[in-house]
Amino acid sequence: MSTDGASSPSRLLPRLLGVLLLIMGLALLAGGIKLALLGGSLYYLLAGIGVALTGILLLAKGRRGVGR
């Protein structure tokens, strides 16, 4: 029995995590932009970019997006 299928847990879980991180990153990014425009901290803007990029890497490369 092969575990190389598209629905195997080793491929499905990184993709689900990637989607979740991308959604969270976009929410942080939107809030960070609003906060920055109001003269607040840039932390949430930068954190949103980082979290969204992590989600994109997980979606694009699967487990390789985690790093080794």
N, C-alpha and C. Protein backbone atom coordinates (compact mmCIF):
# COMPACT_ATOMS: atom_id res chain seq x y z
N MET A 1 0.84 -1.18 0.00
CA MET A 1 0.00 0.00 0.00
C MET A 1 0.89 1.24 0.00
N SER A 2 0.66 2.14 -0.93
CA SER A 2 1.48 3.33 -1.08
C SER A 2 0.86 4.51 -0.35
N THR A 3 1.71 5.36 0.24
CA THR A 3 1.22 6.55 0.94
C THR A 3 1.53 7.82 0.13
N ASP A 4 1.76 7.65 -1.17
CA ASP A 4 2.10 8.79 -2.01
C ASP A 4 0.88 9.47 -2.61
N GLY A 5 -0.32 9.07 -2.25
CA GLY A 5 -1.53 9.65 -2.81
C GLY A 5 -1.75 11.08 -2.38
N ALA A 6 -2.56 11.78 -3.13
CA ALA A 6 -2.81 13.20 -2.86
C ALA A 6 -3.56 13.42 -1.56
N SER A 7 -4.29 12.39 -1.09
CA SER A 7 -5.07 12.56 0.13
C SER A 7 -4.39 11.95 1.35
N SER A 8 -3.14 11.56 1.23
CA SER A 8 -2.44 10.99 2.38
C SER A 8 -2.22 12.07 3.43
N PRO A 9 -2.22 11.69 4.71
CA PRO A 9 -2.04 12.67 5.78
C PRO A 9 -0.75 13.45 5.67
N SER A 10 0.30 12.85 5.11
CA SER A 10 1.58 13.56 5.00
C SER A 10 1.50 14.72 4.00
N ARG A 11 0.53 14.71 3.12
CA ARG A 11 0.35 15.82 2.18
C ARG A 11 -0.82 16.71 2.58
N LEU A 12 -1.80 16.14 3.21
CA LEU A 12 -3.01 16.89 3.55
C LEU A 12 -2.79 17.85 4.72
N LEU A 13 -2.12 17.40 5.75
CA LEU A 13 -1.93 18.24 6.94
C LEU A 13 -1.11 19.50 6.67
N PRO A 14 0.00 19.44 5.94
CA PRO A 14 0.72 20.69 5.65
C PRO A 14 -0.13 21.65 4.81
N ARG A 15 -0.95 21.14 3.93
CA ARG A 15 -1.80 22.01 3.11
C ARG A 15 -2.88 22.67 3.97
N LEU A 16 -3.49 21.91 4.86
CA LEU A 16 -4.49 22.50 5.76
C LEU A 16 -3.86 23.55 6.67
N LEU A 17 -2.70 23.26 7.18
CA LEU A 17 -1.99 24.23 8.01
C LEU A 17 -1.61 25.47 7.19
N GLY A 18 -1.23 25.26 5.93
CA GLY A 18 -0.90 26.37 5.06
C GLY A 18 -2.10 27.29 4.83
N VAL A 19 -3.26 26.70 4.61
CA VAL A 19 -4.48 27.51 4.42
C VAL A 19 -4.80 28.28 5.69
N LEU A 20 -4.72 27.62 6.83
CA LEU A 20 -5.00 28.27 8.11
C LEU A 20 -4.04 29.42 8.37
N LEU A 21 -2.75 29.19 8.14
CA LEU A 21 -1.76 30.25 8.35
C LEU A 21 -1.93 31.40 7.37
N LEU A 22 -2.30 31.09 6.15
CA LEU A 22 -2.52 32.15 5.17
C LEU A 22 -3.70 33.03 5.57
N ILE A 23 -4.79 32.43 6.02
CA ILE A 23 -5.95 33.20 6.47
C ILE A 23 -5.59 34.05 7.69
N MET A 24 -4.89 33.45 8.64
CA MET A 24 -4.49 34.21 9.83
C MET A 24 -3.53 35.34 9.46
N GLY A 25 -2.61 35.07 8.56
CA GLY A 25 -1.65 36.08 8.13
C GLY A 25 -2.32 37.25 7.44
N LEU A 26 -3.32 36.94 6.60
CA LEU A 26 -4.03 38.02 5.92
C LEU A 26 -4.83 38.86 6.90
N ALA A 27 -5.40 38.22 7.93
CA ALA A 27 -6.13 38.97 8.95
C ALA A 27 -5.17 39.88 9.73
N LEU A 28 -4.02 39.35 10.11
CA LEU A 28 -3.02 40.16 10.80
C LEU A 28 -2.52 41.30 9.91
N LEU A 29 -2.34 41.00 8.65
CA LEU A 29 -1.87 42.01 7.70
C LEU A 29 -2.88 43.15 7.56
N ALA A 30 -4.16 42.80 7.43
CA ALA A 30 -5.19 43.83 7.30
C ALA A 30 -5.25 44.70 8.56
N GLY A 31 -5.22 44.06 9.72
CA GLY A 31 -5.23 44.83 10.97
C GLY A 31 -3.96 45.64 11.13
N GLY A 32 -2.84 45.10 10.70
CA GLY A 32 -1.57 45.81 10.79
C GLY A 32 -1.53 47.03 9.91
N ILE A 33 -2.12 46.92 8.72
CA ILE A 33 -2.18 48.08 7.82
C ILE A 33 -3.02 49.18 8.45
N LYS A 34 -4.18 48.79 8.99
CA LYS A 34 -5.06 49.79 9.62
C LYS A 34 -4.36 50.45 10.81
N LEU A 35 -3.70 49.65 11.64
CA LEU A 35 -3.00 50.19 12.79
C LEU A 35 -1.86 51.13 12.37
N ALA A 36 -1.12 50.74 11.34
CA ALA A 36 -0.02 51.57 10.85
C ALA A 36 -0.54 52.90 10.30
N LEU A 37 -1.68 52.86 9.61
CA LEU A 37 -2.25 54.09 9.06
C LEU A 37 -2.74 55.02 10.17
N LEU A 38 -3.09 54.45 11.31
CA LEU A 38 -3.52 55.26 12.45
C LEU A 38 -2.33 55.75 13.28
N GLY A 39 -1.12 55.41 12.85
CA GLY A 39 0.07 55.87 13.55
C GLY A 39 0.57 54.92 14.62
N GLY A 40 0.09 53.70 14.60
CA GLY A 40 0.50 52.72 15.60
C GLY A 40 1.71 51.91 15.17
N SER A 41 1.89 50.81 15.84
CA SER A 41 3.04 49.95 15.64
C SER A 41 2.99 49.23 14.29
N LEU A 42 4.14 48.95 13.74
CA LEU A 42 4.25 48.18 12.50
C LEU A 42 4.37 46.68 12.77
N TYR A 43 4.35 46.28 14.04
CA TYR A 43 4.56 44.87 14.38
C TYR A 43 3.56 43.94 13.69
N TYR A 44 2.27 44.29 13.76
CA TYR A 44 1.25 43.40 13.21
C TYR A 44 1.31 43.34 11.69
N LEU A 45 1.73 44.40 11.07
CA LEU A 45 1.93 44.41 9.63
C LEU A 45 3.03 43.42 9.25
N LEU A 46 4.16 43.51 9.94
CA LEU A 46 5.28 42.60 9.67
C LEU A 46 4.96 41.16 10.06
N ALA A 47 4.27 40.98 11.18
CA ALA A 47 3.89 39.63 11.60
C ALA A 47 2.92 39.01 10.60
N GLY A 48 1.99 39.79 10.09
CA GLY A 48 1.05 39.30 9.09
C GLY A 48 1.75 38.85 7.82
N ILE A 49 2.74 39.63 7.39
CA ILE A 49 3.51 39.25 6.20
C ILE A 49 4.23 37.92 6.45
N GLY A 50 4.86 37.78 7.61
CA GLY A 50 5.59 36.55 7.92
C GLY A 50 4.69 35.33 8.01
N VAL A 51 3.56 35.46 8.67
CA VAL A 51 2.64 34.33 8.82
C VAL A 51 2.03 33.96 7.46
N ALA A 52 1.66 34.96 6.66
CA ALA A 52 1.09 34.69 5.34
C ALA A 52 2.13 34.01 4.43
N LEU A 53 3.37 34.46 4.48
CA LEU A 53 4.41 33.83 3.66
C LEU A 53 4.66 32.38 4.07
N THR A 54 4.59 32.12 5.36
CA THR A 54 4.74 30.74 5.83
C THR A 54 3.61 29.87 5.29
N GLY A 55 2.40 30.40 5.30
CA GLY A 55 1.26 29.66 4.74
C GLY A 55 1.42 29.40 3.26
N ILE A 56 1.92 30.40 2.52
CA ILE A 56 2.13 30.24 1.09
C ILE A 56 3.20 29.18 0.81
N LEU A 57 4.27 29.19 1.60
CA LEU A 57 5.31 28.17 1.42
C LEU A 57 4.79 26.77 1.70
N LEU A 58 3.96 26.64 2.72
CA LEU A 58 3.40 25.32 3.01
C LEU A 58 2.48 24.87 1.88
N LEU A 59 1.71 25.77 1.32
CA LEU A 59 0.83 25.40 0.21
C LEU A 59 1.63 25.05 -1.04
N ALA A 60 2.70 25.77 -1.28
CA ALA A 60 3.48 25.55 -2.50
C ALA A 60 4.39 24.33 -2.42
N LYS A 61 4.99 24.10 -1.27
CA LYS A 61 6.01 23.06 -1.18
C LYS A 61 5.69 21.97 -0.18
N GLY A 62 4.53 21.99 0.45
CA GLY A 62 4.19 20.95 1.40
C GLY A 62 5.09 20.95 2.60
N ARG A 63 5.65 19.81 2.92
CA ARG A 63 6.49 19.68 4.12
C ARG A 63 7.78 20.49 4.00
N ARG A 64 8.23 20.78 2.80
CA ARG A 64 9.46 21.54 2.63
C ARG A 64 9.28 22.99 3.07
N GLY A 65 8.04 23.45 3.18
CA GLY A 65 7.79 24.80 3.66
C GLY A 65 8.11 24.97 5.13
N VAL A 66 8.20 23.87 5.86
CA VAL A 66 8.52 23.90 7.28
C VAL A 66 10.01 24.16 7.48
N GLY A 67 10.82 23.66 6.59
CA GLY A 67 12.28 23.83 6.69
C GLY A 67 12.94 22.63 7.31
N ARG A 68 14.22 22.49 7.07
CA ARG A 68 14.97 21.35 7.62
C ARG A 68 16.29 21.83 8.15
